[in-house]
Amino acid sequence: MASKEQLRKIAIYCDSYTPYDEGELKNLSQKFDKNFESCENCIHYTKDKKCELDLIDKVLSSLAMEQDLKS
Protein backbone atom coordinates (compact mmCIF):
# COMPACT_ATOMS: atom_id res chain seq x y z
CA MET A 1 0.00 0.00 0.00
CA ALA A 2 1.27 3.46 -0.87
CA SER A 3 1.97 5.99 1.87
CA LYS A 4 0.18 9.35 2.06
CA GLU A 5 3.31 11.06 0.68
CA GLN A 6 3.42 8.61 -2.24
CA LEU A 7 -0.28 9.19 -2.94
CA ARG A 8 0.47 12.91 -3.20
CA LYS A 9 3.40 12.37 -5.56
CA ILE A 10 1.38 9.97 -7.70
CA ALA A 11 -1.40 12.55 -8.12
CA ILE A 12 1.12 15.13 -9.30
CA TYR A 13 2.48 12.84 -12.03
CA CYS A 14 -0.66 10.89 -12.95
CA ASP A 15 -2.25 11.92 -16.26
CA SER A 16 -5.61 10.51 -15.11
CA TYR A 17 -5.78 12.40 -11.79
CA THR A 18 -9.22 13.98 -11.55
CA PRO A 19 -10.03 15.64 -8.23
CA TYR A 20 -13.51 15.61 -6.77
CA ASP A 21 -15.27 18.92 -7.05
CA GLU A 22 -16.12 20.69 -3.80
CA GLY A 23 -19.72 19.40 -3.73
CA GLU A 24 -18.58 15.79 -4.06
CA LEU A 25 -16.02 16.25 -1.27
CA LYS A 26 -18.76 17.41 1.10
CA ASN A 27 -20.74 14.22 0.40
CA LEU A 28 -17.85 11.88 1.24
CA SER A 29 -17.75 10.37 4.70
CA GLN A 30 -14.00 10.98 4.97
CA LYS A 31 -12.52 14.45 5.07
CA PHE A 32 -9.72 15.14 2.63
CA ASP A 33 -7.48 18.16 2.39
CA LYS A 34 -8.53 19.63 -0.94
CA ASN A 35 -5.44 21.87 -0.92
CA PHE A 36 -3.23 18.87 -1.72
CA GLU A 37 -3.27 16.82 -4.87
CA SER A 38 -3.56 13.24 -3.69
CA CYS A 39 -5.01 9.99 -4.93
CA GLU A 40 -7.34 10.26 -1.93
CA ASN A 41 -8.95 13.29 -3.61
CA CYS A 42 -9.26 11.60 -7.02
CA ILE A 43 -12.50 10.27 -8.45
CA HIS A 44 -10.69 7.04 -9.43
CA TYR A 45 -9.65 6.22 -5.84
CA THR A 46 -12.03 3.68 -4.30
CA LYS A 47 -13.26 3.14 -0.75
CA ASP A 48 -10.95 0.10 -0.70
CA LYS A 49 -8.02 2.52 -1.12
CA LYS A 50 -7.22 1.38 -4.64
CA CYS A 51 -7.09 3.10 -7.99
CA GLU A 52 -9.89 1.79 -10.17
CA LEU A 53 -7.63 2.44 -13.19
CA ASP A 54 -4.83 0.44 -11.53
CA LEU A 55 -2.33 3.27 -11.95
CA ILE A 56 -0.74 3.54 -8.49
CA ASP A 57 1.94 0.89 -9.04
CA LYS A 58 2.56 2.04 -12.62
CA VAL A 59 3.13 5.66 -11.61
CA LEU A 60 5.26 4.65 -8.60
CA SER A 61 7.41 2.45 -10.85
CA SER A 62 7.80 5.27 -13.32
CA LEU A 63 8.85 7.67 -10.55
CA ALA A 64 11.36 5.13 -9.22
CA MET A 65 12.90 4.65 -12.67
CA GLU A 66 13.12 8.41 -13.15
CA GLN A 67 14.89 8.71 -9.79
CA ASP A 68 17.36 5.97 -10.80
CA LEU A 69 18.20 7.85 -14.00
CA LYS A 70 19.00 11.00 -12.00
CA SER A 71 21.37 9.09 -9.70
PDB file of N, CA and C in Angstrom:
ATOM      1  N   MET A   1       0.847  -1.177   0.000  1.00  0.00           N
ATOM      2  CA  MET A   1       0.000   0.000   0.000  1.00  0.00           C
ATOM      3  C   MET A   1       0.895   1.243   0.000  1.00  0.00           C
ATOM      4  N   ALA A   2       0.504   2.227  -0.760  1.00  0.00           N
ATOM      5  CA  ALA A   2       1.268   3.461  -0.869  1.00  0.00           C
ATOM      6  C   ALA A   2       1.034   4.351   0.352  1.00  0.00           C
ATOM      7  N   SER A   3       2.072   5.068   0.743  1.00  0.00           N
ATOM      8  CA  SER A   3       1.970   5.992   1.873  1.00  0.00           C
ATOM      9  C   SER A   3       1.240   7.263   1.431  1.00  0.00           C
ATOM     10  N   LYS A   4       0.864   8.089   2.389  1.00  0.00           N
ATOM     11  CA  LYS A   4       0.182   9.347   2.057  1.00  0.00           C
ATOM     12  C   LYS A   4       1.071  10.230   1.190  1.00  0.00           C
ATOM     13  N   GLU A   5       2.373  10.264   1.481  1.00  0.00           N
ATOM     14  CA  GLU A   5       3.308  11.055   0.684  1.00  0.00           C
ATOM     15  C   GLU A   5       3.376  10.519  -0.748  1.00  0.00           C
ATOM     16  N   GLN A   6       3.404   9.201  -0.899  1.00  0.00           N
ATOM     17  CA  GLN A   6       3.424   8.608  -2.238  1.00  0.00           C
ATOM     18  C   GLN A   6       2.134   8.923  -2.984  1.00  0.00           C
ATOM     19  N   LEU A   7       1.006   8.882  -2.296  1.00  0.00           N
ATOM     20  CA  LEU A   7      -0.277   9.192  -2.936  1.00  0.00           C
ATOM     21  C   LEU A   7      -0.295  10.632  -3.447  1.00  0.00           C
ATOM     22  N   ARG A   8       0.373  11.525  -2.739  1.00  0.00           N
ATOM     23  CA  ARG A   8       0.466  12.913  -3.195  1.00  0.00           C
ATOM     24  C   ARG A   8       1.356  13.021  -4.431  1.00  0.00           C
ATOM     25  N   LYS A   9       2.488  12.333  -4.414  1.00  0.00           N
ATOM     26  CA  LYS A   9       3.396  12.375  -5.563  1.00  0.00           C
ATOM     27  C   LYS A   9       2.764  11.737  -6.793  1.00  0.00           C
ATOM     28  N   ILE A  10       2.048  10.646  -6.589  1.00  0.00           N
ATOM     29  CA  ILE A  10       1.375   9.974  -7.703  1.00  0.00           C
ATOM     30  C   ILE A  10       0.388  10.925  -8.365  1.00  0.00           C
ATOM     31  N   ALA A  11      -0.398  11.630  -7.566  1.00  0.00           N
ATOM     32  CA  ALA A  11      -1.395  12.546  -8.119  1.00  0.00           C
ATOM     33  C   ALA A  11      -0.748  13.643  -8.959  1.00  0.00           C
ATOM     34  N   ILE A  12       0.425  14.084  -8.562  1.00  0.00           N
ATOM     35  CA  ILE A  12       1.119  15.131  -9.305  1.00  0.00           C
ATOM     36  C   ILE A  12       1.525  14.637 -10.693  1.00  0.00           C
ATOM     37  N   TYR A  13       1.957  13.388 -10.776  1.00  0.00           N
ATOM     38  CA  TYR A  13       2.484  12.842 -12.029  1.00  0.00           C
ATOM     39  C   TYR A  13       1.479  12.017 -12.834  1.00  0.00           C
ATOM     40  N   CYS A  14       0.321  11.745 -12.287  1.00  0.00           N
ATOM     41  CA  CYS A  14      -0.662  10.893 -12.954  1.00  0.00           C
ATOM     42  C   CYS A  14      -1.482  11.702 -13.968  1.00  0.00           C
ATOM     43  N   ASP A  15      -1.488  11.245 -15.204  1.00  0.00           N
ATOM     44  CA  ASP A  15      -2.254  11.922 -16.258  1.00  0.00           C
ATOM     45  C   ASP A  15      -3.763  11.770 -16.072  1.00  0.00           C
ATOM     46  N   SER A  16      -4.179  10.773 -15.298  1.00  0.00           N
ATOM     47  CA  SER A  16      -5.608  10.514 -15.110  1.00  0.00           C
ATOM     48  C   SER A  16      -6.155  11.086 -13.809  1.00  0.00           C
ATOM     49  N   TYR A  17      -5.323  11.808 -13.064  1.00  0.00           N
ATOM     50  CA  TYR A  17      -5.776  12.402 -11.794  1.00  0.00           C
ATOM     51  C   TYR A  17      -6.914  13.382 -12.060  1.00  0.00           C
ATOM     52  N   THR A  18      -8.041  13.122 -11.424  1.00  0.00           N
ATOM     53  CA  THR A  18      -9.219  13.978 -11.555  1.00  0.00           C
ATOM     54  C   THR A  18      -9.786  14.206 -10.159  1.00  0.00           C
ATOM     55  N   PRO A  19      -9.555  15.392  -9.601  1.00  0.00           N
ATOM     56  CA  PRO A  19     -10.031  15.635  -8.234  1.00  0.00           C
ATOM     57  C   PRO A  19     -11.551  15.754  -8.175  1.00  0.00           C
ATOM     58  N   TYR A  20     -12.084  15.384  -7.013  1.00  0.00           N
ATOM     59  CA  TYR A  20     -13.509  15.612  -6.769  1.00  0.00           C
ATOM     60  C   TYR A  20     -13.757  17.108  -6.782  1.00  0.00           C
ATOM     61  N   ASP A  21     -14.953  17.509  -7.202  1.00  0.00           N
ATOM     62  CA  ASP A  21     -15.270  18.923  -7.046  1.00  0.00           C
ATOM     63  C   ASP A  21     -15.728  19.143  -5.604  1.00  0.00           C
ATOM     64  N   GLU A  22     -15.836  20.369  -5.200  1.00  0.00           N
ATOM     65  CA  GLU A  22     -16.118  20.689  -3.798  1.00  0.00           C
ATOM     66  C   GLU A  22     -17.415  20.052  -3.304  1.00  0.00           C
ATOM     67  N   GLY A  23     -18.448  20.008  -4.129  1.00  0.00           N
ATOM     68  CA  GLY A  23     -19.720  19.400  -3.734  1.00  0.00           C
ATOM     69  C   GLY A  23     -19.584  17.919  -3.459  1.00  0.00           C
ATOM     70  N   GLU A  24     -18.792  17.214  -4.276  1.00  0.00           N
ATOM     71  CA  GLU A  24     -18.582  15.788  -4.060  1.00  0.00           C
ATOM     72  C   GLU A  24     -17.787  15.537  -2.792  1.00  0.00           C
ATOM     73  N   LEU A  25     -16.818  16.414  -2.487  1.00  0.00           N
ATOM     74  CA  LEU A  25     -16.024  16.250  -1.274  1.00  0.00           C
ATOM     75  C   LEU A  25     -16.899  16.357  -0.029  1.00  0.00           C
ATOM     76  N   LYS A  26     -17.883  17.233  -0.058  1.00  0.00           N
ATOM     77  CA  LYS A  26     -18.764  17.405   1.102  1.00  0.00           C
ATOM     78  C   LYS A  26     -19.603  16.153   1.340  1.00  0.00           C
ATOM     79  N   ASN A  27     -19.904  15.409   0.275  1.00  0.00           N
ATOM     80  CA  ASN A  27     -20.737  14.219   0.399  1.00  0.00           C
ATOM     81  C   ASN A  27     -19.971  12.983   0.860  1.00  0.00           C
ATOM     82  N   LEU A  28     -18.644  13.028   0.818  1.00  0.00           N
ATOM     83  CA  LEU A  28     -17.853  11.876   1.237  1.00  0.00           C
ATOM     84  C   LEU A  28     -17.826  11.772   2.746  1.00  0.00           C
ATOM     85  N   SER A  29     -17.778  10.552   3.253  1.00  0.00           N
ATOM     86  CA  SER A  29     -17.752  10.372   4.698  1.00  0.00           C
ATOM     87  C   SER A  29     -16.400  10.765   5.285  1.00  0.00           C
ATOM     88  N   GLN A  30     -15.325  10.601   4.498  1.00  0.00           N
ATOM     89  CA  GLN A  30     -14.005  10.979   4.971  1.00  0.00           C
ATOM     90  C   GLN A  30     -13.716  12.412   4.575  1.00  0.00           C
ATOM     91  N   LYS A  31     -12.922  13.084   5.399  1.00  0.00           N
ATOM     92  CA  LYS A  31     -12.524  14.447   5.074  1.00  0.00           C
ATOM     93  C   LYS A  31     -11.142  14.416   4.456  1.00  0.00           C
ATOM     94  N   PHE A  32     -10.998  15.059   3.320  1.00  0.00           N
ATOM     95  CA  PHE A  32      -9.718  15.141   2.630  1.00  0.00           C
ATOM     96  C   PHE A  32      -9.293  16.597   2.563  1.00  0.00           C
ATOM     97  N   ASP A  33      -8.008  16.807   2.531  1.00  0.00           N
ATOM     98  CA  ASP A  33      -7.482  18.156   2.388  1.00  0.00           C
ATOM     99  C   ASP A  33      -7.462  18.500   0.902  1.00  0.00           C
ATOM    100  N   LYS A  34      -8.404  19.312   0.473  1.00  0.00           N
ATOM    101  CA  LYS A  34      -8.526  19.631  -0.944  1.00  0.00           C
ATOM    102  C   LYS A  34      -7.383  20.517  -1.435  1.00  0.00           C
ATOM    103  N   ASN A  35      -6.567  21.028  -0.519  1.00  0.00           N
ATOM    104  CA  ASN A  35      -5.444  21.869  -0.920  1.00  0.00           C
ATOM    105  C   ASN A  35      -4.280  21.048  -1.461  1.00  0.00           C
ATOM    106  N   PHE A  36      -4.291  19.747  -1.243  1.00  0.00           N
ATOM    107  CA  PHE A  36      -3.228  18.874  -1.719  1.00  0.00           C
ATOM    108  C   PHE A  36      -3.750  17.977  -2.825  1.00  0.00           C
ATOM    109  N   GLU A  37      -2.959  17.857  -3.888  1.00  0.00           N
ATOM    110  CA  GLU A  37      -3.271  16.825  -4.867  1.00  0.00           C
ATOM    111  C   GLU A  37      -2.899  15.508  -4.219  1.00  0.00           C
ATOM    112  N   SER A  38      -3.790  14.554  -4.266  1.00  0.00           N
ATOM    113  CA  SER A  38      -3.556  13.236  -3.689  1.00  0.00           C
ATOM    114  C   SER A  38      -4.528  12.258  -4.319  1.00  0.00           C
ATOM    115  N   CYS A  39      -4.098  11.021  -4.431  1.00  0.00           N
ATOM    116  CA  CYS A  39      -5.006   9.992  -4.930  1.00  0.00           C
ATOM    117  C   CYS A  39      -6.281   9.967  -4.091  1.00  0.00           C
ATOM    118  N   GLU A  40      -6.171  10.273  -2.815  1.00  0.00           N
ATOM    119  CA  GLU A  40      -7.336  10.255  -1.934  1.00  0.00           C
ATOM    120  C   GLU A  40      -8.397  11.266  -2.364  1.00  0.00           C
ATOM    121  N   ASN A  41      -8.014  12.268  -3.124  1.00  0.00           N
ATOM    122  CA  ASN A  41      -8.948  13.286  -3.607  1.00  0.00           C
ATOM    123  C   ASN A  41      -9.395  13.030  -5.043  1.00  0.00           C
ATOM    124  N   CYS A  42      -8.984  11.911  -5.617  1.00  0.00           N
ATOM    125  CA  CYS A  42      -9.257  11.601  -7.021  1.00  0.00           C
ATOM    126  C   CYS A  42     -10.531  10.757  -7.158  1.00  0.00           C
ATOM    127  N   ILE A  43     -11.265  11.010  -8.229  1.00  0.00           N
ATOM    128  CA  ILE A  43     -12.503  10.267  -8.450  1.00  0.00           C
ATOM    129  C   ILE A  43     -12.249   8.786  -8.749  1.00  0.00           C
ATOM    130  N   HIS A  44     -11.020   8.432  -9.103  1.00  0.00           N
ATOM    131  CA  HIS A  44     -10.693   7.043  -9.431  1.00  0.00           C
ATOM    132  C   HIS A  44     -10.238   6.235  -8.217  1.00  0.00           C
ATOM    133  N   TYR A  45     -10.104   6.883  -7.064  1.00  0.00           N
ATOM    134  CA  TYR A  45      -9.646   6.217  -5.845  1.00  0.00           C
ATOM    135  C   TYR A  45     -10.867   5.655  -5.116  1.00  0.00           C
ATOM    136  N   THR A  46     -10.851   4.357  -4.862  1.00  0.00           N
ATOM    137  CA  THR A  46     -12.032   3.684  -4.300  1.00  0.00           C
ATOM    138  C   THR A  46     -12.034   3.682  -2.776  1.00  0.00           C
ATOM    139  N   LYS A  47     -13.150   3.281  -2.208  1.00  0.00           N
ATOM    140  CA  LYS A  47     -13.257   3.143  -0.748  1.00  0.00           C
ATOM    141  C   LYS A  47     -12.303   2.083  -0.219  1.00  0.00           C
ATOM    142  N   ASP A  48     -11.909   1.148  -1.078  1.00  0.00           N
ATOM    143  CA  ASP A  48     -10.954   0.096  -0.701  1.00  0.00           C
ATOM    144  C   ASP A  48      -9.510   0.582  -0.795  1.00  0.00           C
ATOM    145  N   LYS A  49      -9.342   1.886  -1.021  1.00  0.00           N
ATOM    146  CA  LYS A  49      -8.017   2.517  -1.125  1.00  0.00           C
ATOM    147  C   LYS A  49      -7.197   1.966  -2.281  1.00  0.00           C
ATOM    148  N   LYS A  50      -7.872   1.844  -3.422  1.00  0.00           N
ATOM    149  CA  LYS A  50      -7.224   1.379  -4.644  1.00  0.00           C
ATOM    150  C   LYS A  50      -7.627   2.295  -5.790  1.00  0.00           C
ATOM    151  N   CYS A  51      -6.777   2.337  -6.780  1.00  0.00           N
ATOM    152  CA  CYS A  51      -7.085   3.098  -7.987  1.00  0.00           C
ATOM    153  C   CYS A  51      -7.883   2.190  -8.918  1.00  0.00           C
ATOM    154  N   GLU A  52      -9.074   2.625  -9.297  1.00  0.00           N
ATOM    155  CA  GLU A  52      -9.892   1.791 -10.172  1.00  0.00           C
ATOM    156  C   GLU A  52      -9.282   1.666 -11.562  1.00  0.00           C
ATOM    157  N   LEU A  53      -8.326   2.528 -11.902  1.00  0.00           N
ATOM    158  CA  LEU A  53      -7.627   2.440 -13.188  1.00  0.00           C
ATOM    159  C   LEU A  53      -6.320   1.666 -13.052  1.00  0.00           C
ATOM    160  N   ASP A  54      -6.026   1.222 -11.829  1.00  0.00           N
ATOM    161  CA  ASP A  54      -4.825   0.436 -11.529  1.00  0.00           C
ATOM    162  C   ASP A  54      -3.541   1.177 -11.927  1.00  0.00           C
ATOM    163  N   LEU A  55      -3.468   2.447 -11.549  1.00  0.00           N
ATOM    164  CA  LEU A  55      -2.332   3.271 -11.951  1.00  0.00           C
ATOM    165  C   LEU A  55      -1.314   3.525 -10.834  1.00  0.00           C
ATOM    166  N   ILE A  56      -1.636   3.218  -9.599  1.00  0.00           N
ATOM    167  CA  ILE A  56      -0.739   3.537  -8.486  1.00  0.00           C
ATOM    168  C   ILE A  56       0.625   2.884  -8.675  1.00  0.00           C
ATOM    169  N   ASP A  57       0.656   1.586  -8.888  1.00  0.00           N
ATOM    170  CA  ASP A  57       1.939   0.889  -9.044  1.00  0.00           C
ATOM    171  C   ASP A  57       2.671   1.346 -10.311  1.00  0.00           C
ATOM    172  N   LYS A  58       1.936   1.603 -11.366  1.00  0.00           N
ATOM    173  CA  LYS A  58       2.559   2.040 -12.618  1.00  0.00           C
ATOM    174  C   LYS A  58       3.241   3.397 -12.450  1.00  0.00           C
ATOM    175  N   VAL A  59       2.555   4.330 -11.805  1.00  0.00           N
ATOM    176  CA  VAL A  59       3.131   5.661 -11.609  1.00  0.00           C
ATOM    177  C   VAL A  59       4.303   5.589 -10.631  1.00  0.00           C
ATOM    178  N   LEU A  60       4.160   4.805  -9.553  1.00  0.00           N
ATOM    179  CA  LEU A  60       5.265   4.652  -8.603  1.00  0.00           C
ATOM    180  C   LEU A  60       6.495   4.058  -9.281  1.00  0.00           C
ATOM    181  N   SER A  61       6.298   3.062 -10.126  1.00  0.00           N
ATOM    182  CA  SER A  61       7.414   2.448 -10.848  1.00  0.00           C
ATOM    183  C   SER A  61       8.079   3.462 -11.768  1.00  0.00           C
ATOM    184  N   SER A  62       7.279   4.251 -12.429  1.00  0.00           N
ATOM    185  CA  SER A  62       7.805   5.273 -13.323  1.00  0.00           C
ATOM    186  C   SER A  62       8.619   6.309 -12.537  1.00  0.00           C
ATOM    187  N   LEU A  63       8.121   6.709 -11.385  1.00  0.00           N
ATOM    188  CA  LEU A  63       8.848   7.666 -10.546  1.00  0.00           C
ATOM    189  C   LEU A  63      10.162   7.071 -10.052  1.00  0.00           C
ATOM    190  N   ALA A  64      10.157   5.796  -9.694  1.00  0.00           N
ATOM    191  CA  ALA A  64      11.360   5.131  -9.218  1.00  0.00           C
ATOM    192  C   ALA A  64      12.403   5.047 -10.331  1.00  0.00           C
ATOM    193  N   MET A  65      11.961   4.726 -11.547  1.00  0.00           N
ATOM    194  CA  MET A  65      12.900   4.649 -12.670  1.00  0.00           C
ATOM    195  C   MET A  65      13.474   6.025 -12.981  1.00  0.00           C
ATOM    196  N   GLU A  66      12.650   7.050 -12.902  1.00  0.00           N
ATOM    197  CA  GLU A  66      13.124   8.407 -13.150  1.00  0.00           C
ATOM    198  C   GLU A  66      14.174   8.803 -12.112  1.00  0.00           C
ATOM    199  N   GLN A  67      13.936   8.416 -10.862  1.00  0.00           N
ATOM    200  CA  GLN A  67      14.888   8.710  -9.793  1.00  0.00           C
ATOM    201  C   GLN A  67      16.210   7.989 -10.022  1.00  0.00           C
ATOM    202  N   ASP A  68      16.154   6.734 -10.501  1.00  0.00           N
ATOM    203  CA  ASP A  68      17.358   5.970 -10.796  1.00  0.00           C
ATOM    204  C   ASP A  68      18.182   6.631 -11.900  1.00  0.00           C
ATOM    205  N   LEU A  69      17.513   7.196 -12.890  1.00  0.00           N
ATOM    206  CA  LEU A  69      18.204   7.854 -14.000  1.00  0.00           C
ATOM    207  C   LEU A  69      18.929   9.123 -13.534  1.00  0.00           C
ATOM    208  N   LYS A  70      18.381   9.784 -12.524  1.00  0.00           N
ATOM    209  CA  LYS A  70      19.000  10.997 -12.000  1.00  0.00           C
ATOM    210  C   LYS A  70      20.217  10.683 -11.139  1.00  0.00           C
ATOM    211  N   SER A  71      20.281   9.473 -10.600  1.00  0.00           N
ATOM    212  CA  SER A  71      21.375   9.091  -9.700  1.00  0.00           C
ATOM    213  C   SER A  71      22.660   8.840 -10.452  1.00  0.00           C
TER     214      SER A  71
END
